[in-house]
Amino acid sequence: MNMAATYGYIRVSSKDQNEQRQLHKMMDRGVEARRIFVDRASGKNFERPQYQLLRKVLNEGDIVYMDALDRMGRNYDEVIAE
């Protein structure tokens, strides 16, 4: 039986935004740096490299922390469906 793992997902929408605040929140929650996935991309869709990689490594029961639900994307209905 696999032990549940904890991951973090960070998205900033532009190159001039800084992900450090979100990164510190993840680390404060005990998420290991190697399990934090960061995308610098728009929230218009889910075609983001690190997000897609995160989806591939997740197993049932794993926990993913995000700073806020809007970090997943702009369209609320698509975020809920995802």
C-alpha atoms as a PDB file:
ATOM      1  CA  MET A   1       0.000   0.000   0.000  1.00  0.00           C
ATOM      2  CA  ASN A   2       1.323   3.448  -0.975  1.00  0.00           C
ATOM      3  CA  MET A   3       1.590   6.208   1.574  1.00  0.00           C
ATOM      4  CA  ALA A   4      -0.209   9.411   0.613  1.00  0.00           C
ATOM      5  CA  ALA A   5       2.128  12.153  -0.542  1.00  0.00           C
ATOM      6  CA  THR A   6       1.736  15.898  -0.214  1.00  0.00           C
ATOM      7  CA  TYR A   7       2.353  18.223  -3.162  1.00  0.00           C
ATOM      8  CA  GLY A   8       2.088  21.921  -3.855  1.00  0.00           C
ATOM      9  CA  TYR A   9       1.021  23.696  -7.017  1.00  0.00           C
ATOM     10  CA  ILE A  10       1.911  27.320  -7.700  1.00  0.00           C
ATOM     11  CA  ARG A  11       0.882  29.396 -10.692  1.00  0.00           C
ATOM     12  CA  VAL A  12       1.817  32.975 -11.379  1.00  0.00           C
ATOM     13  CA  SER A  13       0.347  34.507 -14.482  1.00  0.00           C
ATOM     14  CA  SER A  14       3.217  36.659 -15.651  1.00  0.00           C
ATOM     15  CA  LYS A  15       6.979  36.665 -15.594  1.00  0.00           C
ATOM     16  CA  ASP A  16       7.067  39.766 -13.380  1.00  0.00           C
ATOM     17  CA  GLN A  17       4.953  38.156 -10.639  1.00  0.00           C
ATOM     18  CA  ASN A  18       6.866  36.513  -7.828  1.00  0.00           C
ATOM     19  CA  GLU A  19       5.944  33.038  -6.621  1.00  0.00           C
ATOM     20  CA  GLN A  20       7.879  33.365  -3.331  1.00  0.00           C
ATOM     21  CA  ARG A  21       4.821  34.163  -1.187  1.00  0.00           C
ATOM     22  CA  GLN A  22       3.046  31.033  -2.426  1.00  0.00           C
ATOM     23  CA  LEU A  23       6.249  28.998  -2.082  1.00  0.00           C
ATOM     24  CA  HIS A  24       6.651  30.024   1.569  1.00  0.00           C
ATOM     25  CA  LYS A  25       3.043  29.001   2.278  1.00  0.00           C
ATOM     26  CA  MET A  26       3.682  25.545   0.800  1.00  0.00           C
ATOM     27  CA  MET A  27       6.835  25.055   2.812  1.00  0.00           C
ATOM     28  CA  ASP A  28       5.074  26.269   5.983  1.00  0.00           C
ATOM     29  CA  ARG A  29       2.568  23.447   5.401  1.00  0.00           C
ATOM     30  CA  GLY A  30       5.450  20.965   5.252  1.00  0.00           C
ATOM     31  CA  VAL A  31       5.496  20.399   1.494  1.00  0.00           C
ATOM     32  CA  GLU A  32       8.971  19.324   0.390  1.00  0.00           C
ATOM     33  CA  ALA A  33      10.552  21.637  -2.201  1.00  0.00           C
ATOM     34  CA  ARG A  34      10.954  18.714  -4.615  1.00  0.00           C
ATOM     35  CA  ARG A  35       7.175  18.192  -4.547  1.00  0.00           C
ATOM     36  CA  ILE A  36       6.245  21.769  -5.414  1.00  0.00           C
ATOM     37  CA  PHE A  37       5.303  22.396  -9.035  1.00  0.00           C
ATOM     38  CA  VAL A  38       5.510  25.961 -10.390  1.00  0.00           C
ATOM     39  CA  ASP A  39       4.077  27.325 -13.633  1.00  0.00           C
ATOM     40  CA  ARG A  40       4.548  30.835 -14.938  1.00  0.00           C
ATOM     41  CA  ALA A  41       1.616  30.860 -17.298  1.00  0.00           C
ATOM     42  CA  SER A  42      -1.851  32.178 -17.945  1.00  0.00           C
ATOM     43  CA  GLY A  43      -4.820  30.571 -16.246  1.00  0.00           C
ATOM     44  CA  LYS A  44      -6.790  30.431 -19.502  1.00  0.00           C
ATOM     45  CA  ASN A  45      -6.514  26.637 -19.723  1.00  0.00           C
ATOM     46  CA  PHE A  46      -4.802  23.648 -18.117  1.00  0.00           C
ATOM     47  CA  GLU A  47      -2.101  23.223 -20.762  1.00  0.00           C
ATOM     48  CA  ARG A  48       0.677  24.136 -18.368  1.00  0.00           C
ATOM     49  CA  PRO A  49       3.789  21.924 -18.253  1.00  0.00           C
ATOM     50  CA  GLN A  50       4.237  21.632 -14.495  1.00  0.00           C
ATOM     51  CA  TYR A  51       0.523  21.183 -13.869  1.00  0.00           C
ATOM     52  CA  GLN A  52       0.402  18.340 -16.393  1.00  0.00           C
ATOM     53  CA  LEU A  53       3.472  16.750 -14.766  1.00  0.00           C
ATOM     54  CA  LEU A  54       1.829  17.038 -11.341  1.00  0.00           C
ATOM     55  CA  ARG A  55      -1.268  15.258 -12.648  1.00  0.00           C
ATOM     56  CA  LYS A  56       0.908  12.373 -13.870  1.00  0.00           C
ATOM     57  CA  VAL A  57       2.597  11.807 -10.508  1.00  0.00           C
ATOM     58  CA  LEU A  58      -0.529  12.046  -8.341  1.00  0.00           C
ATOM     59  CA  ASN A  59      -1.994   8.924  -6.809  1.00  0.00           C
ATOM     60  CA  GLU A  60      -5.332   8.434  -5.124  1.00  0.00           C
ATOM     61  CA  GLY A  61      -5.203   9.845  -1.615  1.00  0.00           C
ATOM     62  CA  ASP A  62      -2.421  12.354  -2.308  1.00  0.00           C
ATOM     63  CA  ILE A  63      -2.911  15.923  -1.139  1.00  0.00           C
ATOM     64  CA  VAL A  64      -2.272  18.997  -3.301  1.00  0.00           C
ATOM     65  CA  TYR A  65      -2.011  22.410  -1.684  1.00  0.00           C
ATOM     66  CA  MET A  66      -2.655  25.629  -3.622  1.00  0.00           C
ATOM     67  CA  ASP A  67      -2.636  29.176  -2.344  1.00  0.00           C
ATOM     68  CA  ALA A  68      -6.150  29.766  -3.699  1.00  0.00           C
ATOM     69  CA  LEU A  69      -8.509  28.033  -6.090  1.00  0.00           C
ATOM     70  CA  ASP A  70      -8.038  30.787  -8.678  1.00  0.00           C
ATOM     71  CA  ARG A  71      -4.424  29.617  -9.077  1.00  0.00           C
ATOM     72  CA  MET A  72      -5.898  26.683 -11.004  1.00  0.00           C
ATOM     73  CA  GLY A  73      -7.472  28.855 -13.658  1.00  0.00           C
ATOM     74  CA  ARG A  74      -9.785  31.674 -14.617  1.00  0.00           C
ATOM     75  CA  ASN A  75     -12.918  29.757 -15.522  1.00  0.00           C
ATOM     76  CA  TYR A  76     -14.625  28.622 -12.309  1.00  0.00           C
ATOM     77  CA  ASP A  77     -16.704  25.885 -13.990  1.00  0.00           C
ATOM     78  CA  GLU A  78     -13.609  24.414 -15.688  1.00  0.00           C
ATOM     79  CA  VAL A  79     -11.666  24.531 -12.418  1.00  0.00           C
ATOM     80  CA  ILE A  80     -14.427  22.630 -10.603  1.00  0.00           C
ATOM     81  CA  ALA A  81     -14.624  20.068 -13.418  1.00  0.00           C
ATOM     82  CA  GLU A  82     -10.854  19.564 -13.379  1.00  0.00           C
END
